[in-house]
Amino acid sequence: RKRLKAAEAALKSGDSQVFYQEIFKALYGYLSDKLGIATGELTRSKIVYELERNDVNEATVNDVTYVIDTCEMARFAPVTEVSDEVFYKRTAELIENLEERLK
């Protein structure tokens, strides 16, 4: 939750670009810490591999890739398939779910 504070501030200020950047940084930072991989070395495929190796279920792995893909797409075009508030809540729940699985 700590890592999502900057995203929440951007959400409140209505800055979608910063919001998605902060969500991406929060998720990548969290996964870097939990998986023991330097942030600069994290890739989508490494994340998927490590999550599967840690017995994280397929639905959760899919949620992680969805968040990553959505944040990357938001760099180039507005995200319209889900509201920023829903996306924030979904990401926060995802990180909580991962916290339970990656102990």
C-alpha atoms as a PDB file:
ATOM      1  CA  ARG A   1       0.000   0.000   0.000  1.00  0.00           C
ATOM      2  CA  LYS A   2       2.858   2.379   0.728  1.00  0.00           C
ATOM      3  CA  ARG A   3       4.035   2.146  -2.857  1.00  0.00           C
ATOM      4  CA  LEU A   4       0.613   3.158  -4.145  1.00  0.00           C
ATOM      5  CA  LYS A   5       0.497   6.516  -2.302  1.00  0.00           C
ATOM      6  CA  ALA A   6       1.963   8.478  -5.237  1.00  0.00           C
ATOM      7  CA  ALA A   7      -0.511   6.820  -7.608  1.00  0.00           C
ATOM      8  CA  GLU A   8      -3.354   7.711  -5.280  1.00  0.00           C
ATOM      9  CA  ALA A   9      -2.189  11.347  -5.170  1.00  0.00           C
ATOM     10  CA  ALA A  10      -2.053  11.468  -8.981  1.00  0.00           C
ATOM     11  CA  LEU A  11      -5.502   9.894  -9.132  1.00  0.00           C
ATOM     12  CA  LYS A  12      -6.906  12.578  -6.828  1.00  0.00           C
ATOM     13  CA  SER A  13      -5.286  15.343  -8.865  1.00  0.00           C
ATOM     14  CA  GLY A  14      -6.665  13.870 -12.101  1.00  0.00           C
ATOM     15  CA  ASP A  15      -3.259  13.325 -13.712  1.00  0.00           C
ATOM     16  CA  SER A  16      -3.802  10.034 -15.554  1.00  0.00           C
ATOM     17  CA  GLN A  17      -0.336   9.963 -17.118  1.00  0.00           C
ATOM     18  CA  VAL A  18       1.409  10.193 -13.733  1.00  0.00           C
ATOM     19  CA  PHE A  19      -1.163   7.846 -12.211  1.00  0.00           C
ATOM     20  CA  TYR A  20      -0.310   4.994 -14.577  1.00  0.00           C
ATOM     21  CA  GLN A  21       3.427   5.669 -14.245  1.00  0.00           C
ATOM     22  CA  GLU A  22       3.157   5.420 -10.476  1.00  0.00           C
ATOM     23  CA  ILE A  23       1.045   2.252 -10.612  1.00  0.00           C
ATOM     24  CA  PHE A  24       3.696   0.708 -12.878  1.00  0.00           C
ATOM     25  CA  LYS A  25       6.526   1.769 -10.548  1.00  0.00           C
ATOM     26  CA  ALA A  26       4.635   0.485  -7.510  1.00  0.00           C
ATOM     27  CA  LEU A  27       4.012  -2.937  -9.040  1.00  0.00           C
ATOM     28  CA  TYR A  28       7.523  -3.257 -10.459  1.00  0.00           C
ATOM     29  CA  GLY A  29       9.085  -2.123  -7.179  1.00  0.00           C
ATOM     30  CA  TYR A  30       6.960  -4.545  -5.212  1.00  0.00           C
ATOM     31  CA  LEU A  31       7.765  -7.462  -7.524  1.00  0.00           C
ATOM     32  CA  SER A  32      11.451  -6.550  -7.524  1.00  0.00           C
ATOM     33  CA  ASP A  33      11.520  -6.713  -3.725  1.00  0.00           C
ATOM     34  CA  LYS A  34       9.443  -9.879  -3.426  1.00  0.00           C
ATOM     35  CA  LEU A  35      11.154 -11.805  -6.217  1.00  0.00           C
ATOM     36  CA  GLY A  36      14.654 -10.609  -5.347  1.00  0.00           C
ATOM     37  CA  ILE A  37      15.359  -9.250  -8.827  1.00  0.00           C
ATOM     38  CA  ALA A  38      16.785  -5.772  -9.446  1.00  0.00           C
ATOM     39  CA  THR A  39      14.195  -3.438 -10.960  1.00  0.00           C
ATOM     40  CA  GLY A  40      16.398  -2.836 -13.989  1.00  0.00           C
ATOM     41  CA  GLU A  41      16.514  -6.573 -14.680  1.00  0.00           C
ATOM     42  CA  LEU A  42      12.776  -7.159 -14.401  1.00  0.00           C
ATOM     43  CA  THR A  43      10.985  -8.018 -17.603  1.00  0.00           C
ATOM     44  CA  ARG A  44       7.451  -9.162 -18.226  1.00  0.00           C
ATOM     45  CA  SER A  45       8.643 -12.675 -19.059  1.00  0.00           C
ATOM     46  CA  LYS A  46      10.884 -12.867 -15.952  1.00  0.00           C
ATOM     47  CA  ILE A  47       7.994 -11.777 -13.787  1.00  0.00           C
ATOM     48  CA  VAL A  48       5.679 -14.416 -15.260  1.00  0.00           C
ATOM     49  CA  TYR A  49       8.359 -17.106 -14.907  1.00  0.00           C
ATOM     50  CA  GLU A  50       9.097 -16.231 -11.277  1.00  0.00           C
ATOM     51  CA  LEU A  51       5.432 -16.004 -10.313  1.00  0.00           C
ATOM     52  CA  GLU A  52       4.732 -19.397 -11.857  1.00  0.00           C
ATOM     53  CA  ARG A  53       7.841 -20.811 -10.147  1.00  0.00           C
ATOM     54  CA  ASN A  54       6.414 -19.546  -6.839  1.00  0.00           C
ATOM     55  CA  ASP A  55       3.124 -21.374  -7.505  1.00  0.00           C
ATOM     56  CA  VAL A  56       1.088 -18.219  -8.082  1.00  0.00           C
ATOM     57  CA  ASN A  57      -2.127 -19.238  -9.830  1.00  0.00           C
ATOM     58  CA  GLU A  58      -2.722 -18.420 -13.471  1.00  0.00           C
ATOM     59  CA  ALA A  59      -5.490 -15.899 -12.777  1.00  0.00           C
ATOM     60  CA  THR A  60      -3.182 -13.833 -10.570  1.00  0.00           C
ATOM     61  CA  VAL A  61      -0.356 -14.031 -13.115  1.00  0.00           C
ATOM     62  CA  ASN A  62      -2.829 -12.815 -15.748  1.00  0.00           C
ATOM     63  CA  ASP A  63      -3.843  -9.935 -13.473  1.00  0.00           C
ATOM     64  CA  VAL A  64      -0.190  -8.910 -13.097  1.00  0.00           C
ATOM     65  CA  THR A  65       0.362  -8.915 -16.850  1.00  0.00           C
ATOM     66  CA  TYR A  66      -2.902  -7.001 -17.342  1.00  0.00           C
ATOM     67  CA  VAL A  67      -1.725  -4.233 -15.002  1.00  0.00           C
ATOM     68  CA  ILE A  68       1.700  -4.084 -16.663  1.00  0.00           C
ATOM     69  CA  ASP A  69       0.197  -4.015 -20.166  1.00  0.00           C
ATOM     70  CA  THR A  70      -2.383  -1.384 -19.253  1.00  0.00           C
ATOM     71  CA  CYS A  71       0.254   0.879 -17.697  1.00  0.00           C
ATOM     72  CA  GLU A  72       2.457   0.532 -20.760  1.00  0.00           C
ATOM     73  CA  MET A  73      -0.448   1.285 -23.115  1.00  0.00           C
ATOM     74  CA  ALA A  74      -1.388   4.341 -21.028  1.00  0.00           C
ATOM     75  CA  ARG A  75       1.943   5.912 -21.994  1.00  0.00           C
ATOM     76  CA  PHE A  76       0.694   6.252 -25.580  1.00  0.00           C
ATOM     77  CA  ALA A  77      -3.092   6.509 -25.398  1.00  0.00           C
ATOM     78  CA  PRO A  78      -5.772   7.153 -22.800  1.00  0.00           C
ATOM     79  CA  VAL A  79      -7.101   4.077 -21.019  1.00  0.00           C
ATOM     80  CA  THR A  80     -10.840   3.860 -21.519  1.00  0.00           C
ATOM     81  CA  GLU A  81     -11.725   0.249 -20.741  1.00  0.00           C
ATOM     82  CA  VAL A  82     -11.766   0.810 -16.967  1.00  0.00           C
ATOM     83  CA  SER A  83     -11.919   3.883 -14.746  1.00  0.00           C
ATOM     84  CA  ASP A  84      -8.753   4.964 -12.986  1.00  0.00           C
ATOM     85  CA  GLU A  85     -10.429   4.415  -9.611  1.00  0.00           C
ATOM     86  CA  VAL A  86     -11.356   0.831 -10.472  1.00  0.00           C
ATOM     87  CA  PHE A  87      -7.871   0.203 -11.871  1.00  0.00           C
ATOM     88  CA  TYR A  88      -6.295   1.563  -8.667  1.00  0.00           C
ATOM     89  CA  LYS A  89      -8.490  -0.635  -6.475  1.00  0.00           C
ATOM     90  CA  ARG A  90      -7.826  -3.687  -8.634  1.00  0.00           C
ATOM     91  CA  THR A  91      -4.058  -3.097  -8.460  1.00  0.00           C
ATOM     92  CA  ALA A  92      -4.143  -2.629  -4.679  1.00  0.00           C
ATOM     93  CA  GLU A  93      -6.093  -5.882  -4.304  1.00  0.00           C
ATOM     94  CA  LEU A  94      -3.644  -7.630  -6.619  1.00  0.00           C
ATOM     95  CA  ILE A  95      -0.674  -6.568  -4.511  1.00  0.00           C
ATOM     96  CA  GLU A  96      -2.466  -7.721  -1.354  1.00  0.00           C
ATOM     97  CA  ASN A  97      -3.172 -11.062  -3.026  1.00  0.00           C
ATOM     98  CA  LEU A  98       0.481 -11.400  -4.065  1.00  0.00           C
ATOM     99  CA  GLU A  99       1.579 -10.546  -0.540  1.00  0.00           C
ATOM    100  CA  GLU A 100      -0.293 -13.600   0.723  1.00  0.00           C
ATOM    101  CA  ARG A 101       1.202 -15.861  -1.954  1.00  0.00           C
ATOM    102  CA  LEU A 102       4.819 -14.644  -2.014  1.00  0.00           C
ATOM    103  CA  LYS A 103       5.761 -14.991   1.651  1.00  0.00           C
END
